[in-house]
Amino acid sequence: PEDWSSNLYSGWLWTIAEALKEYDSNSGMPFFMTTQAWKNKALNTALASYTELKHDTVLYGKQAMAEMGGPVEHADYHYVEPQPELYSKLYYLTDYTVSVLQERKMMNESLLEGAKQYKELLQLLITCSRKELQNQPLTKEENDSLLRYGGSLENISGSFLDAIVDEDYPNIELSDMLVSDISSSN
């Protein structure tokens, strides 16, 4: 307890750990708190809280990486969660969304450009996932593309935001995004 209460950051982590506490049927807790659904809810809550913590603290610390990558000597290899089926379904949904929007004449150039960039990113994730699952090395180009992943997402989001901006609200900001890279140059 002394370590956990030594500063605000540690205290927040301590609280998140408590939110993840699991209960069995003999714990005296209500039945719903002993179910898998409750565990899933607790995990989702903890991850959201941790994301908020990282967002709040990343603003005050020295960052190890720069926009669209950073010092390559500290990042020799990059990794993507190897879920090619998930990325393939997202690719399909992107294609399907574009076709529906085009049918309804709701597609504009910015949306189309964002969708194109997103599909290129998904194809990269599919390719890298398959290689990782087969223990094959990524090419230098693939590795470099993963290094710039955050910037790629920002460009995609920018295209989508440009598509919905009108004259009354020209300055849409991404201020509600709470995800940040967690990295170290040590």
N, C-alpha and C. Protein backbone atom coordinates (compact mmCIF):
# COMPACT_ATOMS: atom_id res chain seq x y z
N PRO A 1 0.81 -1.23 0.00
CA PRO A 1 0.00 0.00 0.00
C PRO A 1 0.84 1.28 0.00
N GLU A 2 2.00 1.23 0.63
CA GLU A 2 2.84 2.43 0.67
C GLU A 2 3.32 2.80 -0.73
N ASP A 3 3.72 1.80 -1.51
CA ASP A 3 4.16 2.07 -2.89
C ASP A 3 3.00 2.54 -3.76
N TRP A 4 1.85 1.87 -3.64
CA TRP A 4 0.70 2.23 -4.45
C TRP A 4 0.21 3.65 -4.17
N SER A 5 0.37 4.09 -2.94
CA SER A 5 -0.12 5.43 -2.59
C SER A 5 0.98 6.49 -2.62
N SER A 6 2.10 6.17 -3.24
CA SER A 6 3.23 7.10 -3.24
C SER A 6 3.04 8.30 -4.17
N ASN A 7 2.21 8.15 -5.19
CA ASN A 7 1.91 9.28 -6.08
C ASN A 7 0.58 9.03 -6.78
N LEU A 8 0.10 10.04 -7.47
CA LEU A 8 -1.21 9.95 -8.12
C LEU A 8 -1.25 8.87 -9.19
N TYR A 9 -0.19 8.77 -9.98
CA TYR A 9 -0.14 7.78 -11.06
C TYR A 9 -0.25 6.36 -10.48
N SER A 10 0.57 6.05 -9.49
CA SER A 10 0.53 4.72 -8.87
C SER A 10 -0.82 4.47 -8.21
N GLY A 11 -1.38 5.51 -7.59
CA GLY A 11 -2.70 5.36 -6.97
C GLY A 11 -3.78 5.04 -7.98
N TRP A 12 -3.68 5.67 -9.14
CA TRP A 12 -4.66 5.38 -10.20
C TRP A 12 -4.52 3.93 -10.66
N LEU A 13 -3.29 3.47 -10.85
CA LEU A 13 -3.07 2.07 -11.23
C LEU A 13 -3.61 1.12 -10.16
N TRP A 14 -3.43 1.47 -8.92
CA TRP A 14 -3.93 0.67 -7.80
C TRP A 14 -5.45 0.56 -7.86
N THR A 15 -6.09 1.67 -8.20
CA THR A 15 -7.54 1.69 -8.33
C THR A 15 -7.99 0.83 -9.51
N ILE A 16 -7.27 0.91 -10.61
CA ILE A 16 -7.60 0.09 -11.78
C ILE A 16 -7.47 -1.39 -11.42
N ALA A 17 -6.44 -1.75 -10.68
CA ALA A 17 -6.26 -3.15 -10.27
C ALA A 17 -7.44 -3.61 -9.43
N GLU A 18 -7.94 -2.75 -8.57
CA GLU A 18 -9.10 -3.09 -7.75
C GLU A 18 -10.34 -3.30 -8.61
N ALA A 19 -10.48 -2.50 -9.66
CA ALA A 19 -11.63 -2.65 -10.56
C ALA A 19 -11.61 -3.99 -11.28
N LEU A 20 -10.43 -4.60 -11.38
CA LEU A 20 -10.29 -5.89 -12.07
C LEU A 20 -10.46 -7.08 -11.12
N LYS A 21 -10.73 -6.82 -9.86
CA LYS A 21 -10.88 -7.90 -8.88
C LYS A 21 -12.03 -8.81 -9.30
N GLU A 22 -11.77 -10.11 -9.26
CA GLU A 22 -12.78 -11.09 -9.65
C GLU A 22 -13.39 -11.72 -8.41
N TYR A 23 -14.66 -12.06 -8.53
CA TYR A 23 -15.40 -12.65 -7.41
C TYR A 23 -15.96 -14.00 -7.83
N ASP A 24 -15.92 -14.96 -6.91
CA ASP A 24 -16.53 -16.26 -7.20
C ASP A 24 -17.87 -16.34 -6.46
N SER A 25 -18.56 -17.45 -6.63
CA SER A 25 -19.91 -17.59 -6.07
C SER A 25 -19.90 -17.61 -4.54
N ASN A 26 -18.76 -17.87 -3.91
CA ASN A 26 -18.67 -17.90 -2.45
C ASN A 26 -18.21 -16.57 -1.85
N SER A 27 -18.09 -15.54 -2.66
CA SER A 27 -17.54 -14.27 -2.19
C SER A 27 -18.54 -13.42 -1.43
N GLY A 28 -19.82 -13.74 -1.54
CA GLY A 28 -20.85 -12.93 -0.89
C GLY A 28 -21.29 -11.76 -1.75
N MET A 29 -20.71 -11.63 -2.92
CA MET A 29 -21.10 -10.54 -3.83
C MET A 29 -22.35 -10.95 -4.60
N PRO A 30 -23.10 -9.99 -5.14
CA PRO A 30 -24.29 -10.34 -5.93
C PRO A 30 -23.91 -11.25 -7.10
N PHE A 31 -24.85 -12.09 -7.50
CA PHE A 31 -24.58 -13.07 -8.55
C PHE A 31 -24.00 -12.43 -9.81
N PHE A 32 -24.59 -11.31 -10.25
CA PHE A 32 -24.14 -10.71 -11.51
C PHE A 32 -22.67 -10.32 -11.47
N MET A 33 -22.11 -10.09 -10.27
CA MET A 33 -20.69 -9.72 -10.16
C MET A 33 -19.77 -10.94 -10.19
N THR A 34 -20.34 -12.12 -10.30
CA THR A 34 -19.54 -13.35 -10.38
C THR A 34 -19.54 -13.95 -11.79
N THR A 35 -20.16 -13.25 -12.73
CA THR A 35 -20.31 -13.78 -14.09
C THR A 35 -19.17 -13.33 -15.00
N GLN A 36 -19.04 -14.02 -16.12
CA GLN A 36 -18.06 -13.63 -17.14
C GLN A 36 -18.39 -12.26 -17.72
N ALA A 37 -19.67 -11.97 -17.85
CA ALA A 37 -20.07 -10.66 -18.36
C ALA A 37 -19.55 -9.54 -17.45
N TRP A 38 -19.59 -9.75 -16.15
CA TRP A 38 -19.07 -8.75 -15.21
C TRP A 38 -17.56 -8.61 -15.38
N LYS A 39 -16.87 -9.72 -15.55
CA LYS A 39 -15.41 -9.67 -15.76
C LYS A 39 -15.09 -8.90 -17.04
N ASN A 40 -15.87 -9.13 -18.09
CA ASN A 40 -15.66 -8.41 -19.35
C ASN A 40 -15.90 -6.92 -19.16
N LYS A 41 -16.95 -6.57 -18.44
CA LYS A 41 -17.25 -5.16 -18.17
C LYS A 41 -16.13 -4.53 -17.37
N ALA A 42 -15.64 -5.24 -16.36
CA ALA A 42 -14.56 -4.71 -15.52
C ALA A 42 -13.29 -4.49 -16.35
N LEU A 43 -12.99 -5.42 -17.24
CA LEU A 43 -11.81 -5.26 -18.09
C LEU A 43 -11.96 -4.06 -19.01
N ASN A 44 -13.13 -3.91 -19.61
CA ASN A 44 -13.38 -2.77 -20.49
C ASN A 44 -13.25 -1.45 -19.72
N THR A 45 -13.80 -1.41 -18.52
CA THR A 45 -13.70 -0.21 -17.68
C THR A 45 -12.25 0.09 -17.33
N ALA A 46 -11.50 -0.95 -16.96
CA ALA A 46 -10.09 -0.77 -16.60
C ALA A 46 -9.27 -0.27 -17.79
N LEU A 47 -9.51 -0.82 -18.96
CA LEU A 47 -8.78 -0.38 -20.14
C LEU A 47 -9.11 1.06 -20.49
N ALA A 48 -10.37 1.44 -20.36
CA ALA A 48 -10.76 2.83 -20.63
C ALA A 48 -10.09 3.76 -19.63
N SER A 49 -10.06 3.36 -18.38
CA SER A 49 -9.43 4.20 -17.36
C SER A 49 -7.93 4.32 -17.60
N TYR A 50 -7.30 3.21 -17.98
CA TYR A 50 -5.86 3.24 -18.26
C TYR A 50 -5.58 4.14 -19.47
N THR A 51 -6.43 4.08 -20.48
CA THR A 51 -6.27 4.94 -21.65
C THR A 51 -6.35 6.41 -21.23
N GLU A 52 -7.30 6.72 -20.38
CA GLU A 52 -7.44 8.10 -19.89
C GLU A 52 -6.20 8.50 -19.09
N LEU A 53 -5.71 7.60 -18.26
CA LEU A 53 -4.49 7.88 -17.48
C LEU A 53 -3.32 8.17 -18.40
N LYS A 54 -3.12 7.35 -19.42
CA LYS A 54 -2.00 7.57 -20.36
C LYS A 54 -2.20 8.88 -21.10
N HIS A 55 -3.42 9.19 -21.49
CA HIS A 55 -3.68 10.44 -22.20
C HIS A 55 -3.34 11.63 -21.30
N ASP A 56 -3.75 11.56 -20.05
CA ASP A 56 -3.50 12.68 -19.14
C ASP A 56 -2.02 12.84 -18.83
N THR A 57 -1.30 11.73 -18.68
CA THR A 57 0.10 11.84 -18.28
C THR A 57 1.05 12.02 -19.45
N VAL A 58 0.67 11.59 -20.64
CA VAL A 58 1.56 11.73 -21.78
C VAL A 58 1.80 13.20 -22.12
N LEU A 59 0.87 14.03 -21.72
CA LEU A 59 1.01 15.46 -21.99
C LEU A 59 2.15 16.10 -21.20
N TYR A 60 2.56 15.46 -20.10
CA TYR A 60 3.55 16.08 -19.21
C TYR A 60 4.91 15.40 -19.23
N GLY A 61 5.05 14.34 -19.96
CA GLY A 61 6.32 13.62 -19.99
C GLY A 61 7.04 13.77 -21.30
N LYS A 62 8.31 13.56 -21.31
CA LYS A 62 9.12 13.61 -22.52
C LYS A 62 8.77 12.38 -23.38
N GLN A 63 8.48 12.62 -24.63
CA GLN A 63 8.09 11.54 -25.52
C GLN A 63 9.30 10.87 -26.15
N ALA A 64 9.23 9.57 -26.25
CA ALA A 64 10.33 8.80 -26.81
C ALA A 64 10.32 8.81 -28.33
N MET A 65 9.18 9.02 -28.93
CA MET A 65 9.06 8.98 -30.38
C MET A 65 8.49 10.29 -30.89
N ALA A 66 8.74 10.56 -32.15
CA ALA A 66 8.23 11.78 -32.77
C ALA A 66 7.10 11.43 -33.73
N GLU A 67 6.45 12.46 -34.25
CA GLU A 67 5.37 12.27 -35.21
C GLU A 67 5.84 11.40 -36.38
N MET A 68 5.01 10.46 -36.78
CA MET A 68 5.29 9.57 -37.91
C MET A 68 6.57 8.76 -37.72
N GLY A 69 6.85 8.36 -36.50
CA GLY A 69 8.01 7.52 -36.26
C GLY A 69 8.90 8.11 -35.22
N GLY A 70 10.14 8.29 -35.51
CA GLY A 70 11.08 8.82 -34.54
C GLY A 70 12.43 8.20 -34.76
N PRO A 71 13.22 8.16 -33.73
CA PRO A 71 14.58 7.65 -33.87
C PRO A 71 14.59 6.15 -34.18
N VAL A 72 14.93 5.83 -35.40
CA VAL A 72 14.90 4.44 -35.86
C VAL A 72 15.83 3.55 -35.05
N GLU A 73 16.94 4.13 -34.55
CA GLU A 73 17.87 3.30 -33.80
C GLU A 73 17.25 2.70 -32.54
N HIS A 74 16.12 3.24 -32.10
CA HIS A 74 15.43 2.71 -30.93
C HIS A 74 14.27 1.81 -31.30
N ALA A 75 14.01 1.64 -32.55
CA ALA A 75 12.85 0.88 -32.99
C ALA A 75 13.22 0.04 -34.20
N ASP A 76 13.95 -1.04 -33.95
CA ASP A 76 14.42 -1.87 -35.06
C ASP A 76 13.33 -2.76 -35.65
N TYR A 77 12.37 -3.16 -34.84
CA TYR A 77 11.35 -4.09 -35.30
C TYR A 77 10.00 -3.65 -34.77
N HIS A 78 8.99 -3.77 -35.59
CA HIS A 78 7.64 -3.41 -35.19
C HIS A 78 6.73 -4.61 -35.37
N TYR A 79 5.67 -4.62 -34.61
CA TYR A 79 4.81 -5.79 -34.51
C TYR A 79 3.36 -5.35 -34.57
N VAL A 80 2.53 -6.15 -35.20
CA VAL A 80 1.10 -5.91 -35.22
C VAL A 80 0.44 -7.16 -34.62
N GLU A 81 -0.67 -6.96 -33.89
CA GLU A 81 -1.39 -8.12 -33.38
C GLU A 81 -1.81 -8.95 -34.58
N PRO A 82 -1.37 -10.20 -34.65
CA PRO A 82 -1.62 -11.01 -35.85
C PRO A 82 -3.06 -11.53 -35.92
N GLN A 83 -3.95 -10.70 -36.44
CA GLN A 83 -5.36 -11.08 -36.59
C GLN A 83 -5.80 -10.83 -38.03
N PRO A 84 -5.27 -11.61 -38.98
CA PRO A 84 -5.59 -11.35 -40.39
C PRO A 84 -7.08 -11.45 -40.71
N GLU A 85 -7.82 -12.31 -40.01
CA GLU A 85 -9.25 -12.43 -40.29
C GLU A 85 -10.00 -11.16 -39.87
N LEU A 86 -9.62 -10.60 -38.73
CA LEU A 86 -10.23 -9.35 -38.28
C LEU A 86 -9.96 -8.24 -39.28
N TYR A 87 -8.70 -8.09 -39.70
CA TYR A 87 -8.35 -7.03 -40.64
C TYR A 87 -9.03 -7.25 -41.99
N SER A 88 -9.19 -8.51 -42.38
CA SER A 88 -9.88 -8.82 -43.65
C SER A 88 -11.34 -8.42 -43.59
N LYS A 89 -11.98 -8.64 -42.45
CA LYS A 89 -13.38 -8.24 -42.30
C LYS A 89 -13.52 -6.72 -42.31
N LEU A 90 -12.59 -6.04 -41.68
CA LEU A 90 -12.60 -4.57 -41.72
C LEU A 90 -12.41 -4.07 -43.15
N TYR A 91 -11.54 -4.74 -43.90
CA TYR A 91 -11.31 -4.39 -45.31
C TYR A 91 -12.62 -4.56 -46.09
N TYR A 92 -13.29 -5.70 -45.89
CA TYR A 92 -14.57 -5.95 -46.56
C TYR A 92 -15.58 -4.87 -46.20
N LEU A 93 -15.69 -4.55 -44.89
CA LEU A 93 -16.66 -3.54 -44.46
C LEU A 93 -16.36 -2.17 -45.06
N THR A 94 -15.09 -1.86 -45.22
CA THR A 94 -14.72 -0.59 -45.84
C THR A 94 -15.18 -0.56 -47.29
N ASP A 95 -14.90 -1.64 -48.03
CA ASP A 95 -15.37 -1.74 -49.42
C ASP A 95 -16.89 -1.62 -49.50
N TYR A 96 -17.57 -2.35 -48.62
CA TYR A 96 -19.03 -2.36 -48.62
C TYR A 96 -19.58 -0.97 -48.31
N THR A 97 -19.00 -0.30 -47.33
CA THR A 97 -19.43 1.05 -46.96
C THR A 97 -19.26 2.01 -48.14
N VAL A 98 -18.12 1.93 -48.82
CA VAL A 98 -17.88 2.79 -49.98
C VAL A 98 -18.94 2.53 -51.05
N SER A 99 -19.22 1.26 -51.32
CA SER A 99 -20.20 0.96 -52.38
C SER A 99 -21.59 1.46 -52.01
N VAL A 100 -21.99 1.33 -50.75
CA VAL A 100 -23.31 1.81 -50.32
C VAL A 100 -23.36 3.34 -50.42
N LEU A 101 -22.31 4.01 -49.97
CA LEU A 101 -22.29 5.48 -50.05
C LEU A 101 -22.29 5.96 -51.50
N GLN A 102 -21.58 5.24 -52.38
CA GLN A 102 -21.59 5.62 -53.80
C GLN A 102 -22.96 5.41 -54.42
N GLU A 103 -23.62 4.30 -54.09
CA GLU A 103 -24.97 4.03 -54.60
C GLU A 103 -25.93 5.14 -54.23
N ARG A 104 -25.78 5.64 -53.02
CA ARG A 104 -26.69 6.67 -52.52
C ARG A 104 -26.19 8.09 -52.81
N LYS A 105 -25.12 8.16 -53.59
CA LYS A 105 -24.53 9.44 -53.97
C LYS A 105 -24.15 10.28 -52.75
N MET A 106 -23.59 9.60 -51.76
CA MET A 106 -23.17 10.26 -50.53
C MET A 106 -21.64 10.26 -50.39
N MET A 107 -20.95 9.79 -51.40
CA MET A 107 -19.49 9.68 -51.35
C MET A 107 -18.88 10.94 -51.94
N ASN A 108 -17.86 11.45 -51.26
CA ASN A 108 -17.12 12.58 -51.83
C ASN A 108 -15.63 12.19 -51.89
N GLU A 109 -14.82 13.04 -52.45
CA GLU A 109 -13.40 12.73 -52.67
C GLU A 109 -12.64 12.48 -51.37
N SER A 110 -12.94 13.26 -50.33
CA SER A 110 -12.24 13.09 -49.06
C SER A 110 -12.57 11.74 -48.42
N LEU A 111 -13.86 11.35 -48.47
CA LEU A 111 -14.23 10.04 -47.94
C LEU A 111 -13.56 8.93 -48.74
N LEU A 112 -13.56 9.09 -50.05
CA LEU A 112 -12.95 8.08 -50.92
C LEU A 112 -11.45 7.97 -50.65
N GLU A 113 -10.77 9.09 -50.45
CA GLU A 113 -9.34 9.08 -50.15
C GLU A 113 -9.07 8.44 -48.79
N GLY A 114 -9.89 8.76 -47.79
CA GLY A 114 -9.73 8.14 -46.47
C GLY A 114 -9.93 6.64 -46.53
N ALA A 115 -10.94 6.21 -47.28
CA ALA A 115 -11.21 4.77 -47.43
C ALA A 115 -10.05 4.07 -48.14
N LYS A 116 -9.51 4.72 -49.17
CA LYS A 116 -8.38 4.15 -49.91
C LYS A 116 -7.17 3.98 -48.98
N GLN A 117 -6.87 5.02 -48.21
CA GLN A 117 -5.73 4.95 -47.27
C GLN A 117 -5.97 3.87 -46.20
N TYR A 118 -7.22 3.78 -45.72
CA TYR A 118 -7.55 2.80 -44.69
C TYR A 118 -7.39 1.38 -45.24
N LYS A 119 -7.84 1.16 -46.48
CA LYS A 119 -7.69 -0.16 -47.08
C LYS A 119 -6.21 -0.51 -47.27
N GLU A 120 -5.40 0.47 -47.64
CA GLU A 120 -3.96 0.22 -47.77
C GLU A 120 -3.36 -0.16 -46.42
N LEU A 121 -3.78 0.53 -45.36
CA LEU A 121 -3.30 0.20 -44.03
C LEU A 121 -3.76 -1.19 -43.61
N LEU A 122 -5.01 -1.51 -43.86
CA LEU A 122 -5.52 -2.84 -43.52
C LEU A 122 -4.78 -3.93 -44.30
N GLN A 123 -4.48 -3.68 -45.57
CA GLN A 123 -3.73 -4.66 -46.35
C GLN A 123 -2.35 -4.87 -45.75
N LEU A 124 -1.72 -3.80 -45.29
CA LEU A 124 -0.43 -3.93 -44.60
C LEU A 124 -0.58 -4.80 -43.35
N LEU A 125 -1.63 -4.56 -42.56
CA LEU A 125 -1.84 -5.34 -41.34
C LEU A 125 -2.11 -6.81 -41.65
N ILE A 126 -2.85 -7.06 -42.71
CA ILE A 126 -3.12 -8.45 -43.12
C ILE A 126 -1.82 -9.13 -43.51
N THR A 127 -1.04 -8.48 -44.35
CA THR A 127 0.23 -9.04 -44.82
C THR A 127 1.18 -9.29 -43.67
N CYS A 128 1.35 -8.30 -42.80
CA CYS A 128 2.27 -8.44 -41.66
C CYS A 128 1.78 -9.53 -40.70
N SER A 129 0.47 -9.60 -40.48
CA SER A 129 -0.08 -10.63 -39.60
C SER A 129 0.23 -12.03 -40.12
N ARG A 130 0.00 -12.21 -41.40
CA ARG A 130 0.25 -13.54 -41.98
C ARG A 130 1.73 -13.91 -41.87
N LYS A 131 2.60 -12.95 -42.13
CA LYS A 131 4.04 -13.21 -42.00
C LYS A 131 4.41 -13.56 -40.57
N GLU A 132 3.88 -12.79 -39.62
CA GLU A 132 4.20 -13.05 -38.22
C GLU A 132 3.74 -14.44 -37.80
N LEU A 133 2.55 -14.84 -38.24
CA LEU A 133 2.02 -16.16 -37.88
C LEU A 133 2.83 -17.30 -38.52
N GLN A 134 3.53 -16.99 -39.60
CA GLN A 134 4.37 -17.99 -40.27
C GLN A 134 5.85 -17.81 -39.91
N ASN A 135 6.11 -16.96 -38.92
CA ASN A 135 7.49 -16.68 -38.47
C ASN A 135 8.38 -16.20 -39.61
N GLN A 136 7.81 -15.40 -40.50
CA GLN A 136 8.58 -14.81 -41.59
C GLN A 136 8.92 -13.37 -41.23
N PRO A 137 10.10 -12.92 -41.58
CA PRO A 137 10.46 -11.53 -41.26
C PRO A 137 9.71 -10.54 -42.15
N LEU A 138 9.46 -9.37 -41.59
CA LEU A 138 8.84 -8.30 -42.36
C LEU A 138 9.91 -7.64 -43.22
N THR A 139 9.49 -7.09 -44.35
CA THR A 139 10.43 -6.34 -45.19
C THR A 139 10.74 -5.01 -44.51
N LYS A 140 11.78 -4.36 -44.96
CA LYS A 140 12.12 -3.04 -44.42
C LYS A 140 10.96 -2.07 -44.64
N GLU A 141 10.35 -2.13 -45.82
CA GLU A 141 9.22 -1.25 -46.13
C GLU A 141 8.04 -1.50 -45.19
N GLU A 142 7.72 -2.77 -44.94
CA GLU A 142 6.62 -3.09 -44.02
C GLU A 142 6.94 -2.61 -42.61
N ASN A 143 8.16 -2.85 -42.17
CA ASN A 143 8.59 -2.43 -40.84
C ASN A 143 8.51 -0.91 -40.70
N ASP A 144 8.98 -0.19 -41.72
CA ASP A 144 8.93 1.27 -41.71
C ASP A 144 7.48 1.77 -41.71
N SER A 145 6.60 1.08 -42.44
CA SER A 145 5.19 1.47 -42.46
C SER A 145 4.55 1.30 -41.09
N LEU A 146 4.91 0.24 -40.39
CA LEU A 146 4.38 0.05 -39.04
C LEU A 146 4.91 1.11 -38.09
N LEU A 147 6.14 1.56 -38.30
CA LEU A 147 6.72 2.63 -37.48
C LEU A 147 5.87 3.90 -37.60
N ARG A 148 5.33 4.15 -38.78
CA ARG A 148 4.55 5.36 -39.04
C ARG A 148 3.04 5.12 -38.89
N TYR A 149 2.65 4.05 -38.24
CA TYR A 149 1.25 3.66 -38.10
C TYR A 149 0.38 4.78 -37.52
N GLY A 150 0.84 5.40 -36.45
CA GLY A 150 0.06 6.47 -35.81
C GLY A 150 -0.20 7.63 -36.74
N GLY A 151 0.82 8.03 -37.48
CA GLY A 151 0.65 9.11 -38.44
C GLY A 151 -0.29 8.72 -39.57
N SER A 152 -0.24 7.45 -39.97
CA SER A 152 -1.15 6.98 -41.01
C SER A 152 -2.60 7.08 -40.54
N LEU A 153 -2.85 6.68 -39.29
CA LEU A 153 -4.20 6.79 -38.75
C LEU A 153 -4.66 8.24 -38.68
N GLU A 154 -3.74 9.12 -38.33
CA GLU A 154 -4.08 10.55 -38.27
C GLU A 154 -4.46 11.07 -39.66
N ASN A 155 -3.71 10.66 -40.69
CA ASN A 155 -4.04 11.08 -42.06
C ASN A 155 -5.41 10.56 -42.49
N ILE A 156 -5.69 9.31 -42.15
CA ILE A 156 -6.99 8.70 -42.50
C ILE A 156 -8.10 9.46 -41.80
N SER A 157 -7.94 9.70 -40.50
CA SER A 157 -8.95 10.45 -39.74
C SER A 157 -9.14 11.84 -40.33
N GLY A 158 -8.04 12.47 -40.73
CA GLY A 158 -8.13 13.80 -41.33
C GLY A 158 -8.95 13.79 -42.61
N SER A 159 -8.77 12.76 -43.43
CA SER A 159 -9.56 12.66 -44.67
C SER A 159 -11.04 12.52 -44.35
N PHE A 160 -11.36 11.69 -43.36
CA PHE A 160 -12.76 11.50 -42.99
C PHE A 160 -13.35 12.78 -42.40
N LEU A 161 -12.57 13.48 -41.59
CA LEU A 161 -13.07 14.73 -41.01
C LEU A 161 -13.26 15.80 -42.08
N ASP A 162 -12.32 15.87 -43.03
CA ASP A 162 -12.46 16.84 -44.12
C ASP A 162 -13.76 16.60 -44.89
N ALA A 163 -14.17 15.34 -44.96
CA ALA A 163 -15.36 14.99 -45.72
C ALA A 163 -16.64 15.51 -45.08
N ILE A 164 -16.62 15.74 -43.78
CA ILE A 164 -17.86 16.15 -43.11
C ILE A 164 -17.85 17.62 -42.68
N VAL A 165 -16.74 18.32 -42.91
CA VAL A 165 -16.64 19.72 -42.52
C VAL A 165 -17.50 20.57 -43.44
N ASP A 166 -18.20 21.52 -42.86
CA ASP A 166 -18.92 22.49 -43.69
C ASP A 166 -18.51 23.90 -43.29
N GLU A 167 -19.03 24.89 -43.98
CA GLU A 167 -18.60 26.26 -43.75
C GLU A 167 -18.90 26.74 -42.33
N ASP A 168 -19.94 26.22 -41.71
CA ASP A 168 -20.31 26.66 -40.37
C ASP A 168 -19.37 26.12 -39.30
N TYR A 169 -18.74 24.98 -39.54
CA TYR A 169 -17.87 24.35 -38.56
C TYR A 169 -16.57 23.88 -39.22
N PRO A 170 -15.72 24.81 -39.66
CA PRO A 170 -14.54 24.43 -40.43
C PRO A 170 -13.39 23.86 -39.60
N ASN A 171 -13.37 24.07 -38.32
CA ASN A 171 -12.21 23.69 -37.52
C ASN A 171 -12.48 22.51 -36.59
N ILE A 172 -12.76 21.38 -37.16
CA ILE A 172 -12.97 20.18 -36.35
C ILE A 172 -11.61 19.72 -35.84
N GLU A 173 -11.54 19.44 -34.56
CA GLU A 173 -10.30 18.97 -33.94
C GLU A 173 -10.45 17.52 -33.52
N LEU A 174 -9.35 16.83 -33.40
CA LEU A 174 -9.36 15.46 -32.91
C LEU A 174 -9.12 15.44 -31.40
N SER A 175 -9.60 16.43 -30.70
CA SER A 175 -9.30 16.58 -29.29
C SER A 175 -9.92 15.49 -28.42
N ASP A 176 -10.88 14.75 -28.94
CA ASP A 176 -11.51 13.72 -28.14
C ASP A 176 -10.79 12.38 -28.23
N MET A 177 -9.76 12.29 -29.05
CA MET A 177 -9.02 11.04 -29.16
C MET A 177 -8.17 10.84 -27.91
N LEU A 178 -8.26 9.67 -27.30
CA LEU A 178 -7.57 9.43 -26.05
C LEU A 178 -6.48 8.38 -26.15
N VAL A 179 -6.22 7.85 -27.31
CA VAL A 179 -5.23 6.79 -27.42
C VAL A 179 -3.87 7.40 -27.72
N SER A 180 -2.87 6.93 -27.02
CA SER A 180 -1.50 7.41 -27.26
C SER A 180 -0.57 6.22 -27.30
N ASP A 181 0.54 6.41 -27.98
CA ASP A 181 1.56 5.37 -28.02
C ASP A 181 2.21 5.23 -26.66
N ILE A 182 2.52 4.02 -26.28
CA ILE A 182 3.29 3.78 -25.07
C ILE A 182 4.61 3.21 -25.53
N SER A 183 5.66 3.98 -25.34
CA SER A 183 6.97 3.54 -25.84
C SER A 183 8.06 4.06 -24.94
N SER A 184 9.24 3.56 -25.16
CA SER A 184 10.39 4.00 -24.38
C SER A 184 11.60 3.99 -25.27
N SER A 185 12.49 4.95 -25.04
CA SER A 185 13.73 4.96 -25.81
C SER A 185 14.87 4.36 -24.98
N ASN A 186 14.53 3.77 -23.85
CA ASN A 186 15.56 3.15 -22.99
C ASN A 186 15.81 1.72 -23.37
